[in-house]
Amino acid sequence: MENKFAGEGSGHDWAHIRRVWHMARRLAQASPEADPEVTELAALLHDIADWKFHGGDYEAGPRAAREWLRSQGAAETLIARVETIIREVSFKGLGVATLVSSIEAALVQDADRLDAIGAIGIARAFAYGGHKGRPLHDEAVAPVAHESFASYQQNTAPTLNHFYEKLLHLKERMHTPAARAVAAQRHAYMEAFVAQFLAEWAGND
């Protein structure tokens, strides 16, 4: 994964994957019932073929993970568990329920979402917006509470809208107490950033 994502510039690089892996492992320490092998493999492979970079193909990630794990001789039961987590980890819009089928999926989803908020999350949001050629902000484009995954996938709004459409809602969507504790501080930092951004944008600071 480090070799595959070297030089990636949208914020979905090896550094992101490494942070999610380390955070999932950290969160798992407070969840002894979680299988560490499944948790770590899913964290490492969760972005192996993200739908955002594969024409919206939501099965690209599970398929790529399956192929790689099979090439390493992994058991089919392990492969199936990792595939399921990869399918469940992505945010799909405010109107789509955050459902996970295992503690391992909850840990990986929490870890991935923690990397989307706070200082790193802010940097990643604007890196991705720049990668997609989106403006920083446009007062004429209102945020949308996407009620379906299809609507969320088709979104092309300015980057600041992403805070209202996703990032500022993630704190309340964490599954584990350990993740909620980390999210509280990162959320507060992000709220302060948005307020400062809007003040500067309006010329009031």
N, C-alpha and C. Protein backbone atom coordinates (compact mmCIF):
# COMPACT_ATOMS: atom_id res chain seq x y z
N MET A 1 0.83 -1.19 0.00
CA MET A 1 0.00 0.00 0.00
C MET A 1 0.87 1.25 0.00
N GLU A 2 1.97 1.20 0.70
CA GLU A 2 2.88 2.36 0.71
C GLU A 2 3.40 2.62 -0.70
N ASN A 3 3.80 1.57 -1.39
CA ASN A 3 4.30 1.74 -2.76
C ASN A 3 3.19 2.18 -3.71
N LYS A 4 2.02 1.61 -3.55
CA LYS A 4 0.90 1.91 -4.45
C LYS A 4 0.47 3.37 -4.37
N PHE A 5 0.52 3.94 -3.17
CA PHE A 5 0.00 5.29 -2.97
C PHE A 5 1.08 6.36 -2.78
N ALA A 6 2.31 6.02 -3.10
CA ALA A 6 3.38 7.02 -3.04
C ALA A 6 3.09 8.15 -4.03
N GLY A 7 3.16 9.39 -3.55
CA GLY A 7 2.96 10.53 -4.44
C GLY A 7 1.51 10.88 -4.71
N GLU A 8 0.56 10.19 -4.13
CA GLU A 8 -0.86 10.50 -4.33
C GLU A 8 -1.14 11.86 -3.71
N GLY A 9 -1.88 12.73 -4.42
CA GLY A 9 -2.01 14.11 -3.97
C GLY A 9 -3.40 14.58 -3.59
N SER A 10 -4.35 13.66 -3.44
CA SER A 10 -5.72 14.09 -3.15
C SER A 10 -6.08 13.98 -1.67
N GLY A 11 -5.11 13.56 -0.85
CA GLY A 11 -5.40 13.33 0.56
C GLY A 11 -5.76 11.90 0.89
N HIS A 12 -5.73 11.03 -0.13
CA HIS A 12 -6.01 9.60 0.07
C HIS A 12 -4.71 8.81 -0.16
N ASP A 13 -3.65 9.30 0.43
CA ASP A 13 -2.31 8.77 0.21
C ASP A 13 -1.92 7.75 1.29
N TRP A 14 -0.67 7.29 1.20
CA TRP A 14 -0.20 6.31 2.18
C TRP A 14 -0.22 6.88 3.59
N ALA A 15 0.07 8.18 3.75
CA ALA A 15 0.05 8.78 5.09
C ALA A 15 -1.35 8.68 5.70
N HIS A 16 -2.37 8.88 4.88
CA HIS A 16 -3.76 8.72 5.37
C HIS A 16 -4.01 7.27 5.78
N ILE A 17 -3.64 6.35 4.92
CA ILE A 17 -3.86 4.93 5.23
C ILE A 17 -3.12 4.54 6.49
N ARG A 18 -1.89 5.01 6.64
CA ARG A 18 -1.09 4.69 7.84
C ARG A 18 -1.76 5.24 9.10
N ARG A 19 -2.25 6.48 9.02
CA ARG A 19 -2.92 7.06 10.19
C ARG A 19 -4.17 6.27 10.56
N VAL A 20 -4.97 5.89 9.55
CA VAL A 20 -6.18 5.11 9.82
C VAL A 20 -5.81 3.76 10.43
N TRP A 21 -4.79 3.13 9.91
CA TRP A 21 -4.31 1.85 10.45
C TRP A 21 -3.91 2.01 11.92
N HIS A 22 -3.09 3.03 12.22
CA HIS A 22 -2.63 3.23 13.59
C HIS A 22 -3.78 3.59 14.52
N MET A 23 -4.72 4.43 14.04
CA MET A 23 -5.85 4.80 14.88
C MET A 23 -6.77 3.60 15.12
N ALA A 24 -7.01 2.79 14.10
CA ALA A 24 -7.85 1.59 14.28
C ALA A 24 -7.22 0.66 15.31
N ARG A 25 -5.91 0.53 15.25
CA ARG A 25 -5.21 -0.31 16.22
C ARG A 25 -5.34 0.28 17.63
N ARG A 26 -5.22 1.61 17.72
CA ARG A 26 -5.37 2.30 19.01
C ARG A 26 -6.79 2.13 19.56
N LEU A 27 -7.80 2.30 18.73
CA LEU A 27 -9.18 2.14 19.18
C LEU A 27 -9.46 0.70 19.59
N ALA A 28 -8.81 -0.25 18.90
CA ALA A 28 -9.02 -1.67 19.19
C ALA A 28 -8.53 -2.04 20.58
N GLN A 29 -7.58 -1.28 21.10
CA GLN A 29 -7.06 -1.56 22.44
C GLN A 29 -8.15 -1.40 23.49
N ALA A 30 -9.15 -0.56 23.19
CA ALA A 30 -10.27 -0.38 24.11
C ALA A 30 -11.44 -1.30 23.77
N SER A 31 -11.24 -2.15 22.76
CA SER A 31 -12.29 -3.10 22.34
C SER A 31 -11.67 -4.49 22.22
N PRO A 32 -11.41 -5.15 23.34
CA PRO A 32 -10.72 -6.44 23.31
C PRO A 32 -11.48 -7.53 22.56
N GLU A 33 -12.78 -7.32 22.32
CA GLU A 33 -13.54 -8.32 21.58
C GLU A 33 -13.26 -8.29 20.09
N ALA A 34 -12.59 -7.24 19.61
CA ALA A 34 -12.31 -7.10 18.18
C ALA A 34 -11.16 -8.01 17.76
N ASP A 35 -11.24 -8.54 16.56
CA ASP A 35 -10.18 -9.36 15.98
C ASP A 35 -9.11 -8.42 15.42
N PRO A 36 -7.90 -8.40 15.98
CA PRO A 36 -6.89 -7.44 15.53
C PRO A 36 -6.44 -7.66 14.09
N GLU A 37 -6.39 -8.91 13.65
CA GLU A 37 -5.96 -9.17 12.27
C GLU A 37 -6.96 -8.59 11.28
N VAL A 38 -8.24 -8.84 11.50
CA VAL A 38 -9.28 -8.32 10.62
C VAL A 38 -9.28 -6.79 10.64
N THR A 39 -9.18 -6.22 11.83
CA THR A 39 -9.19 -4.77 11.97
C THR A 39 -8.04 -4.13 11.22
N GLU A 40 -6.83 -4.64 11.41
CA GLU A 40 -5.66 -4.02 10.78
C GLU A 40 -5.65 -4.22 9.27
N LEU A 41 -6.02 -5.41 8.82
CA LEU A 41 -6.05 -5.64 7.37
C LEU A 41 -7.08 -4.73 6.70
N ALA A 42 -8.26 -4.62 7.29
CA ALA A 42 -9.29 -3.77 6.71
C ALA A 42 -8.86 -2.31 6.70
N ALA A 43 -8.21 -1.86 7.76
CA ALA A 43 -7.73 -0.48 7.81
C ALA A 43 -6.69 -0.24 6.72
N LEU A 44 -5.78 -1.18 6.56
CA LEU A 44 -4.72 -1.02 5.55
C LEU A 44 -5.27 -1.06 4.13
N LEU A 45 -6.34 -1.81 3.92
CA LEU A 45 -6.87 -2.00 2.57
C LEU A 45 -8.12 -1.18 2.27
N HIS A 46 -8.57 -0.34 3.21
CA HIS A 46 -9.88 0.31 3.04
C HIS A 46 -9.93 1.25 1.84
N ASP A 47 -8.79 1.79 1.42
CA ASP A 47 -8.76 2.70 0.27
C ASP A 47 -8.02 2.11 -0.93
N ILE A 48 -7.89 0.80 -0.98
CA ILE A 48 -7.10 0.18 -2.04
C ILE A 48 -7.62 0.53 -3.43
N ALA A 49 -8.92 0.74 -3.56
CA ALA A 49 -9.52 1.16 -4.84
C ALA A 49 -10.79 1.93 -4.54
N ASP A 50 -10.63 3.14 -4.03
CA ASP A 50 -11.76 3.98 -3.62
C ASP A 50 -12.67 4.28 -4.81
N TRP A 51 -13.99 4.20 -4.59
CA TRP A 51 -14.95 4.45 -5.67
C TRP A 51 -14.78 5.83 -6.29
N LYS A 52 -14.30 6.81 -5.51
CA LYS A 52 -14.14 8.17 -6.01
C LYS A 52 -13.14 8.25 -7.15
N PHE A 53 -12.24 7.28 -7.21
CA PHE A 53 -11.21 7.28 -8.24
C PHE A 53 -11.37 6.13 -9.23
N HIS A 54 -12.52 5.47 -9.16
CA HIS A 54 -12.78 4.33 -10.05
C HIS A 54 -14.17 4.44 -10.67
N GLY A 55 -14.47 5.63 -11.14
CA GLY A 55 -15.71 5.84 -11.87
C GLY A 55 -16.98 5.57 -11.09
N GLY A 56 -16.91 5.73 -9.76
CA GLY A 56 -18.09 5.49 -8.94
C GLY A 56 -18.37 4.02 -8.67
N ASP A 57 -17.44 3.13 -9.07
CA ASP A 57 -17.63 1.68 -8.87
C ASP A 57 -17.41 1.33 -7.41
N TYR A 58 -18.50 1.12 -6.67
CA TYR A 58 -18.40 0.87 -5.24
C TYR A 58 -17.80 -0.50 -4.92
N GLU A 59 -17.79 -1.39 -5.89
CA GLU A 59 -17.22 -2.72 -5.67
C GLU A 59 -15.74 -2.78 -6.01
N ALA A 60 -15.18 -1.69 -6.51
CA ALA A 60 -13.76 -1.71 -6.90
C ALA A 60 -12.87 -2.02 -5.70
N GLY A 61 -13.16 -1.42 -4.56
CA GLY A 61 -12.34 -1.64 -3.37
C GLY A 61 -12.42 -3.06 -2.85
N PRO A 62 -13.63 -3.56 -2.57
CA PRO A 62 -13.72 -4.96 -2.12
C PRO A 62 -13.10 -5.94 -3.11
N ARG A 63 -13.28 -5.69 -4.41
CA ARG A 63 -12.72 -6.58 -5.43
C ARG A 63 -11.19 -6.58 -5.40
N ALA A 64 -10.60 -5.39 -5.30
CA ALA A 64 -9.14 -5.29 -5.27
C ALA A 64 -8.57 -5.91 -4.00
N ALA A 65 -9.25 -5.71 -2.88
CA ALA A 65 -8.80 -6.31 -1.63
C ALA A 65 -8.87 -7.83 -1.69
N ARG A 66 -9.98 -8.33 -2.26
CA ARG A 66 -10.14 -9.78 -2.41
C ARG A 66 -9.02 -10.38 -3.25
N GLU A 67 -8.72 -9.74 -4.36
CA GLU A 67 -7.68 -10.26 -5.25
C GLU A 67 -6.33 -10.28 -4.55
N TRP A 68 -6.02 -9.20 -3.83
CA TRP A 68 -4.71 -9.14 -3.18
C TRP A 68 -4.62 -10.17 -2.05
N LEU A 69 -5.66 -10.26 -1.24
CA LEU A 69 -5.64 -11.21 -0.13
C LEU A 69 -5.54 -12.64 -0.63
N ARG A 70 -6.24 -12.95 -1.72
CA ARG A 70 -6.14 -14.29 -2.29
C ARG A 70 -4.72 -14.57 -2.78
N SER A 71 -4.08 -13.54 -3.33
CA SER A 71 -2.71 -13.71 -3.82
C SER A 71 -1.74 -14.00 -2.68
N GLN A 72 -2.15 -13.63 -1.46
CA GLN A 72 -1.31 -13.88 -0.29
C GLN A 72 -1.71 -15.16 0.45
N GLY A 73 -2.70 -15.87 -0.11
CA GLY A 73 -3.12 -17.13 0.49
C GLY A 73 -4.03 -16.99 1.69
N ALA A 74 -4.71 -15.85 1.82
CA ALA A 74 -5.61 -15.64 2.96
C ALA A 74 -6.82 -16.56 2.87
N ALA A 75 -7.35 -16.93 4.01
CA ALA A 75 -8.54 -17.78 4.07
C ALA A 75 -9.75 -17.01 3.55
N GLU A 76 -10.67 -17.73 2.93
CA GLU A 76 -11.85 -17.08 2.36
C GLU A 76 -12.72 -16.42 3.44
N THR A 77 -12.75 -16.98 4.63
CA THR A 77 -13.53 -16.37 5.71
C THR A 77 -12.95 -15.01 6.10
N LEU A 78 -11.63 -14.92 6.14
CA LEU A 78 -10.96 -13.65 6.44
C LEU A 78 -11.21 -12.65 5.32
N ILE A 79 -11.10 -13.10 4.09
CA ILE A 79 -11.33 -12.22 2.94
C ILE A 79 -12.74 -11.65 2.98
N ALA A 80 -13.72 -12.48 3.27
CA ALA A 80 -15.11 -12.03 3.30
C ALA A 80 -15.32 -10.97 4.37
N ARG A 81 -14.69 -11.13 5.51
CA ARG A 81 -14.85 -10.16 6.59
C ARG A 81 -14.23 -8.81 6.21
N VAL A 82 -13.06 -8.84 5.58
CA VAL A 82 -12.39 -7.61 5.16
C VAL A 82 -13.20 -6.91 4.07
N GLU A 83 -13.70 -7.68 3.11
CA GLU A 83 -14.53 -7.11 2.04
C GLU A 83 -15.74 -6.38 2.62
N THR A 84 -16.40 -7.00 3.57
CA THR A 84 -17.59 -6.39 4.17
C THR A 84 -17.26 -5.07 4.83
N ILE A 85 -16.16 -5.02 5.56
CA ILE A 85 -15.76 -3.77 6.22
C ILE A 85 -15.48 -2.68 5.19
N ILE A 86 -14.80 -3.01 4.11
CA ILE A 86 -14.51 -2.02 3.08
C ILE A 86 -15.80 -1.47 2.48
N ARG A 87 -16.79 -2.32 2.31
CA ARG A 87 -18.08 -1.85 1.78
C ARG A 87 -18.78 -0.91 2.76
N GLU A 88 -18.60 -1.15 4.04
CA GLU A 88 -19.34 -0.40 5.05
C GLU A 88 -18.67 0.90 5.49
N VAL A 89 -17.38 1.06 5.23
CA VAL A 89 -16.63 2.14 5.85
C VAL A 89 -16.97 3.52 5.30
N SER A 90 -17.34 3.63 4.03
CA SER A 90 -17.51 4.94 3.40
C SER A 90 -18.75 5.69 3.87
N PHE A 91 -18.61 7.00 3.97
CA PHE A 91 -19.75 7.89 4.20
C PHE A 91 -20.57 7.96 2.91
N LYS A 92 -21.91 7.93 3.05
CA LYS A 92 -22.76 7.84 1.86
C LYS A 92 -23.81 8.95 1.79
N GLY A 93 -23.69 9.97 2.65
CA GLY A 93 -24.66 11.05 2.66
C GLY A 93 -25.37 11.15 4.00
N LEU A 94 -25.81 12.35 4.35
CA LEU A 94 -26.45 12.55 5.65
C LEU A 94 -27.75 11.78 5.79
N GLY A 95 -28.41 11.52 4.69
CA GLY A 95 -29.68 10.80 4.75
C GLY A 95 -29.54 9.30 4.75
N VAL A 96 -28.30 8.80 4.73
CA VAL A 96 -28.05 7.36 4.69
C VAL A 96 -27.53 6.92 6.07
N ALA A 97 -28.17 5.97 6.66
CA ALA A 97 -27.80 5.52 8.01
C ALA A 97 -26.38 4.96 8.04
N THR A 98 -25.70 5.22 9.15
CA THR A 98 -24.35 4.71 9.36
C THR A 98 -24.46 3.33 10.00
N LEU A 99 -24.41 2.28 9.20
CA LEU A 99 -24.58 0.92 9.69
C LEU A 99 -23.30 0.12 9.53
N VAL A 100 -22.95 -0.59 10.56
CA VAL A 100 -21.82 -1.52 10.49
C VAL A 100 -22.26 -2.86 11.07
N SER A 101 -21.66 -3.91 10.59
CA SER A 101 -22.11 -5.25 10.98
C SER A 101 -21.18 -5.94 11.97
N SER A 102 -20.11 -5.25 12.38
CA SER A 102 -19.16 -5.87 13.31
C SER A 102 -18.40 -4.79 14.06
N ILE A 103 -17.80 -5.17 15.18
CA ILE A 103 -16.99 -4.23 15.95
C ILE A 103 -15.77 -3.81 15.12
N GLU A 104 -15.24 -4.73 14.31
CA GLU A 104 -14.08 -4.38 13.48
C GLU A 104 -14.44 -3.30 12.46
N ALA A 105 -15.64 -3.40 11.87
CA ALA A 105 -16.09 -2.38 10.92
C ALA A 105 -16.28 -1.04 11.63
N ALA A 106 -16.81 -1.08 12.85
CA ALA A 106 -16.99 0.15 13.63
C ALA A 106 -15.66 0.83 13.90
N LEU A 107 -14.66 0.03 14.24
CA LEU A 107 -13.33 0.59 14.54
C LEU A 107 -12.69 1.22 13.32
N VAL A 108 -12.77 0.54 12.19
CA VAL A 108 -12.16 1.07 10.97
C VAL A 108 -12.92 2.31 10.48
N GLN A 109 -14.24 2.26 10.55
CA GLN A 109 -15.02 3.42 10.13
C GLN A 109 -14.72 4.62 11.04
N ASP A 110 -14.66 4.40 12.35
CA ASP A 110 -14.31 5.49 13.26
C ASP A 110 -12.92 6.05 12.95
N ALA A 111 -11.97 5.18 12.73
CA ALA A 111 -10.60 5.62 12.45
C ALA A 111 -10.53 6.43 11.16
N ASP A 112 -11.24 5.98 10.14
CA ASP A 112 -11.25 6.69 8.86
C ASP A 112 -11.92 8.06 9.02
N ARG A 113 -12.99 8.12 9.77
CA ARG A 113 -13.70 9.38 9.96
C ARG A 113 -12.93 10.34 10.85
N LEU A 114 -12.18 9.84 11.80
CA LEU A 114 -11.34 10.72 12.60
C LEU A 114 -10.29 11.40 11.74
N ASP A 115 -9.83 10.73 10.69
CA ASP A 115 -8.83 11.33 9.82
C ASP A 115 -9.45 12.35 8.87
N ALA A 116 -10.80 12.44 8.87
CA ALA A 116 -11.48 13.41 8.02
C ALA A 116 -11.81 14.70 8.78
N ILE A 117 -11.51 14.74 10.07
CA ILE A 117 -11.81 15.94 10.86
C ILE A 117 -10.55 16.42 11.56
N GLY A 118 -10.64 17.60 12.20
CA GLY A 118 -9.46 18.18 12.83
C GLY A 118 -8.55 18.82 11.80
N ALA A 119 -7.33 19.12 12.20
CA ALA A 119 -6.38 19.82 11.32
C ALA A 119 -6.08 19.03 10.06
N ILE A 120 -5.81 17.74 10.21
CA ILE A 120 -5.52 16.91 9.04
C ILE A 120 -6.75 16.80 8.16
N GLY A 121 -7.91 16.67 8.75
CA GLY A 121 -9.13 16.58 7.97
C GLY A 121 -9.37 17.83 7.14
N ILE A 122 -9.11 18.99 7.71
CA ILE A 122 -9.24 20.25 6.96
C ILE A 122 -8.28 20.25 5.78
N ALA A 123 -7.04 19.90 6.03
CA ALA A 123 -6.04 19.87 4.95
C ALA A 123 -6.45 18.90 3.86
N ARG A 124 -6.95 17.73 4.25
CA ARG A 124 -7.34 16.72 3.26
C ARG A 124 -8.54 17.19 2.44
N ALA A 125 -9.48 17.88 3.08
CA ALA A 125 -10.66 18.37 2.36
C ALA A 125 -10.24 19.33 1.24
N PHE A 126 -9.35 20.25 1.55
CA PHE A 126 -8.93 21.21 0.53
C PHE A 126 -7.98 20.59 -0.49
N ALA A 127 -7.21 19.60 -0.09
CA ALA A 127 -6.37 18.89 -1.05
C ALA A 127 -7.25 18.18 -2.08
N TYR A 128 -8.31 17.53 -1.60
CA TYR A 128 -9.22 16.82 -2.51
C TYR A 128 -9.97 17.81 -3.39
N GLY A 129 -10.42 18.91 -2.81
CA GLY A 129 -11.10 19.92 -3.60
C GLY A 129 -10.22 20.47 -4.71
N GLY A 130 -8.96 20.73 -4.38
CA GLY A 130 -8.02 21.19 -5.40
C GLY A 130 -7.78 20.14 -6.47
N HIS A 131 -7.68 18.88 -6.03
CA HIS A 131 -7.49 17.77 -6.96
C HIS A 131 -8.65 17.69 -7.97
N LYS A 132 -9.86 18.01 -7.50
CA LYS A 132 -11.05 17.96 -8.36
C LYS A 132 -11.35 19.29 -9.04
N GLY A 133 -10.52 20.30 -8.80
CA GLY A 133 -10.72 21.59 -9.44
C GLY A 133 -11.89 22.38 -8.88
N ARG A 134 -12.22 22.19 -7.62
CA ARG A 134 -13.36 22.86 -7.01
C ARG A 134 -12.93 24.18 -6.36
N PRO A 135 -13.79 25.20 -6.37
CA PRO A 135 -13.47 26.45 -5.68
C PRO A 135 -13.46 26.24 -4.17
N LEU A 136 -12.78 27.12 -3.44
CA LEU A 136 -12.78 27.01 -1.98
C LEU A 136 -14.18 27.21 -1.41
N HIS A 137 -14.88 28.23 -1.93
CA HIS A 137 -16.18 28.59 -1.37
C HIS A 137 -16.96 29.39 -2.40
N ASP A 138 -18.27 29.31 -2.34
CA ASP A 138 -19.14 30.09 -3.21
C ASP A 138 -20.45 30.31 -2.46
N GLU A 139 -20.70 31.57 -2.04
CA GLU A 139 -21.90 31.85 -1.26
C GLU A 139 -23.18 31.52 -2.02
N ALA A 140 -23.10 31.47 -3.34
CA ALA A 140 -24.30 31.21 -4.15
C ALA A 140 -24.66 29.73 -4.21
N VAL A 141 -23.76 28.87 -3.73
CA VAL A 141 -24.01 27.42 -3.77
C VAL A 141 -24.27 26.93 -2.35
N ALA A 142 -25.50 26.64 -2.05
CA ALA A 142 -25.87 26.22 -0.69
C ALA A 142 -25.52 24.75 -0.45
N PRO A 143 -25.12 24.41 0.78
CA PRO A 143 -24.88 23.00 1.10
C PRO A 143 -26.16 22.18 0.94
N VAL A 144 -25.97 20.89 0.66
CA VAL A 144 -27.09 19.97 0.45
C VAL A 144 -26.97 18.79 1.42
N ALA A 145 -28.05 18.47 2.09
CA ALA A 145 -28.06 17.27 2.95
C ALA A 145 -28.42 16.08 2.06
N HIS A 146 -27.42 15.46 1.49
CA HIS A 146 -27.65 14.39 0.52
C HIS A 146 -28.42 13.24 1.15
N GLU A 147 -29.56 12.92 0.57
CA GLU A 147 -30.45 11.90 1.12
C GLU A 147 -30.20 10.52 0.53
N SER A 148 -29.28 10.44 -0.42
CA SER A 148 -28.95 9.14 -1.01
C SER A 148 -27.48 9.11 -1.37
N PHE A 149 -26.96 7.91 -1.50
CA PHE A 149 -25.55 7.75 -1.89
C PHE A 149 -25.34 8.27 -3.31
N ALA A 150 -26.32 8.08 -4.18
CA ALA A 150 -26.20 8.56 -5.56
C ALA A 150 -26.06 10.07 -5.59
N SER A 151 -26.85 10.76 -4.78
CA SER A 151 -26.75 12.22 -4.71
C SER A 151 -25.39 12.64 -4.19
N TYR A 152 -24.91 11.97 -3.16
CA TYR A 152 -23.60 12.29 -2.58
C TYR A 152 -22.48 12.06 -3.60
N GLN A 153 -22.56 10.97 -4.35
CA GLN A 153 -21.54 10.65 -5.36
C GLN A 153 -21.46 11.72 -6.45
N GLN A 154 -22.59 12.32 -6.79
CA GLN A 154 -22.65 13.27 -7.89
C GLN A 154 -22.32 14.70 -7.46
N ASN A 155 -22.05 14.89 -6.19
CA ASN A 155 -21.80 16.22 -5.67
C ASN A 155 -20.53 16.85 -6.25
N THR A 156 -20.60 18.11 -6.67
CA THR A 156 -19.44 18.84 -7.20
C THR A 156 -19.33 20.22 -6.55
N ALA A 157 -19.87 20.37 -5.35
CA ALA A 157 -19.94 21.68 -4.68
C ALA A 157 -18.56 22.17 -4.23
N PRO A 158 -18.45 23.48 -3.93
CA PRO A 158 -17.21 24.03 -3.38
C PRO A 158 -16.79 23.29 -2.11
N THR A 159 -15.51 23.34 -1.82
CA THR A 159 -14.97 22.56 -0.71
C THR A 159 -15.58 22.91 0.64
N LEU A 160 -15.84 24.19 0.90
CA LEU A 160 -16.38 24.54 2.22
C LEU A 160 -17.73 23.86 2.47
N ASN A 161 -18.50 23.62 1.42
CA ASN A 161 -19.79 22.93 1.59
C ASN A 161 -19.60 21.55 2.21
N HIS A 162 -18.47 20.93 1.94
CA HIS A 162 -18.21 19.58 2.44
C HIS A 162 -18.23 19.54 3.96
N PHE A 163 -17.87 20.67 4.59
CA PHE A 163 -17.91 20.72 6.05
C PHE A 163 -19.34 20.60 6.55
N TYR A 164 -20.28 21.26 5.88
CA TYR A 164 -21.68 21.24 6.28
C TYR A 164 -22.39 19.96 5.83
N GLU A 165 -21.90 19.37 4.75
CA GLU A 165 -22.55 18.19 4.18
C GLU A 165 -22.03 16.88 4.78
N LYS A 166 -20.86 16.95 5.44
CA LYS A 166 -20.30 15.73 6.00
C LYS A 166 -19.49 15.98 7.28
N LEU A 167 -18.41 16.74 7.18
CA LEU A 167 -17.39 16.76 8.22
C LEU A 167 -17.90 17.19 9.59
N LEU A 168 -18.76 18.21 9.64
CA LEU A 168 -19.27 18.69 10.92
C LEU A 168 -20.31 17.76 11.54
N HIS A 169 -20.67 16.70 10.84
CA HIS A 169 -21.63 15.72 11.36
C HIS A 169 -20.96 14.43 11.86
N LEU A 170 -19.67 14.30 11.59
CA LEU A 170 -19.02 13.02 11.90
C LEU A 170 -18.86 12.77 13.39
N LYS A 171 -18.70 13.82 14.17
CA LYS A 171 -18.54 13.64 15.63
C LYS A 171 -19.70 12.83 16.21
N GLU A 172 -20.91 13.11 15.73
CA GLU A 172 -22.09 12.43 16.26
C GLU A 172 -22.29 11.04 15.68
N ARG A 173 -21.46 10.67 14.72
CA ARG A 173 -21.63 9.37 14.06
C ARG A 173 -20.52 8.38 14.43
N MET A 174 -19.74 8.71 15.44
CA MET A 174 -18.72 7.77 15.91
C MET A 174 -19.38 6.65 16.71
N HIS A 175 -18.84 5.47 16.60
CA HIS A 175 -19.42 4.30 17.26
C HIS A 175 -18.86 4.05 18.65
N THR A 176 -17.59 4.29 18.83
CA THR A 176 -16.91 3.86 20.05
C THR A 176 -16.60 5.05 20.97
N PRO A 177 -16.64 4.83 22.29
CA PRO A 177 -16.32 5.91 23.23
C PRO A 177 -14.93 6.50 22.99
N ALA A 178 -13.95 5.66 22.68
CA ALA A 178 -12.60 6.15 22.44
C ALA A 178 -12.56 7.10 21.25
N ALA A 179 -13.30 6.77 20.19
CA ALA A 179 -13.34 7.63 19.01
C ALA A 179 -14.07 8.93 19.30
N ARG A 180 -15.14 8.85 20.08
CA ARG A 180 -15.90 10.06 20.42
C ARG A 180 -15.04 11.04 21.22
N ALA A 181 -14.18 10.53 22.07
CA ALA A 181 -13.30 11.39 22.86
C ALA A 181 -12.33 12.15 21.96
N VAL A 182 -11.76 11.47 20.98
CA VAL A 182 -10.84 12.12 20.04
C VAL A 182 -11.61 13.09 19.15
N ALA A 183 -12.79 12.69 18.72
CA ALA A 183 -13.58 13.51 17.80
C ALA A 183 -14.00 14.83 18.42
N ALA A 184 -14.26 14.86 19.71
CA ALA A 184 -14.73 16.09 20.35
C ALA A 184 -13.74 17.23 20.17
N GLN A 185 -12.46 16.97 20.40
CA GLN A 185 -11.44 18.01 20.25
C GLN A 185 -11.27 18.40 18.80
N ARG A 186 -11.24 17.42 17.92
CA ARG A 186 -11.03 17.71 16.50
C ARG A 186 -12.23 18.48 15.92
N HIS A 187 -13.41 18.16 16.38
CA HIS A 187 -14.60 18.86 15.91
C HIS A 187 -14.55 20.33 16.32
N ALA A 188 -14.17 20.59 17.57
CA ALA A 188 -14.09 21.97 18.05
C ALA A 188 -13.08 22.77 17.23
N TYR A 189 -11.96 22.16 16.92
CA TYR A 189 -10.94 22.82 16.10
C TYR A 189 -11.50 23.16 14.72
N MET A 190 -12.25 22.24 14.16
CA MET A 190 -12.82 22.43 12.83
C MET A 190 -13.88 23.52 12.84
N GLU A 191 -14.70 23.57 13.87
CA GLU A 191 -15.70 24.63 13.99
C GLU A 191 -15.03 26.00 14.03
N ALA A 192 -13.94 26.10 14.80
CA ALA A 192 -13.22 27.38 14.89
C ALA A 192 -12.63 27.76 13.54
N PHE A 193 -12.12 26.77 12.81
CA PHE A 193 -11.57 27.04 11.48
C PHE A 193 -12.63 27.59 10.53
N VAL A 194 -13.80 26.96 10.49
CA VAL A 194 -14.87 27.40 9.58
C VAL A 194 -15.29 28.83 9.93
N ALA A 195 -15.41 29.13 11.22
CA ALA A 195 -15.79 30.49 11.62
C ALA A 195 -14.73 31.50 11.18
N GLN A 196 -13.46 31.15 11.35
CA GLN A 196 -12.38 32.05 10.94
C GLN A 196 -12.34 32.19 9.42
N PHE A 197 -12.53 31.10 8.71
CA PHE A 197 -12.55 31.13 7.25
C PHE A 197 -13.63 32.09 6.75
N LEU A 198 -14.83 31.96 7.28
CA LEU A 198 -15.94 32.80 6.82
C LEU A 198 -15.72 34.27 7.18
N ALA A 199 -15.12 34.52 8.33
CA ALA A 199 -14.82 35.91 8.70
C ALA A 199 -13.81 36.53 7.74
N GLU A 200 -12.78 35.78 7.42
CA GLU A 200 -11.77 36.28 6.47
C GLU A 200 -12.35 36.42 5.07
N TRP A 201 -13.18 35.46 4.69
CA TRP A 201 -13.79 35.50 3.35
C TRP A 201 -14.63 36.78 3.18
N ALA A 202 -15.33 37.14 4.26
CA ALA A 202 -16.20 38.31 4.22
C ALA A 202 -15.44 39.61 4.45
N GLY A 203 -14.14 39.51 4.73
CA GLY A 203 -13.34 40.70 4.98
C GLY A 203 -13.56 41.28 6.35
N ASN A 204 -14.01 40.46 7.29
CA ASN A 204 -14.29 40.96 8.64
C ASN A 204 -13.19 40.64 9.62
N ASP A 205 -12.10 40.10 9.13
CA ASP A 205 -10.98 39.75 10.02
C ASP A 205 -9.67 39.99 9.30
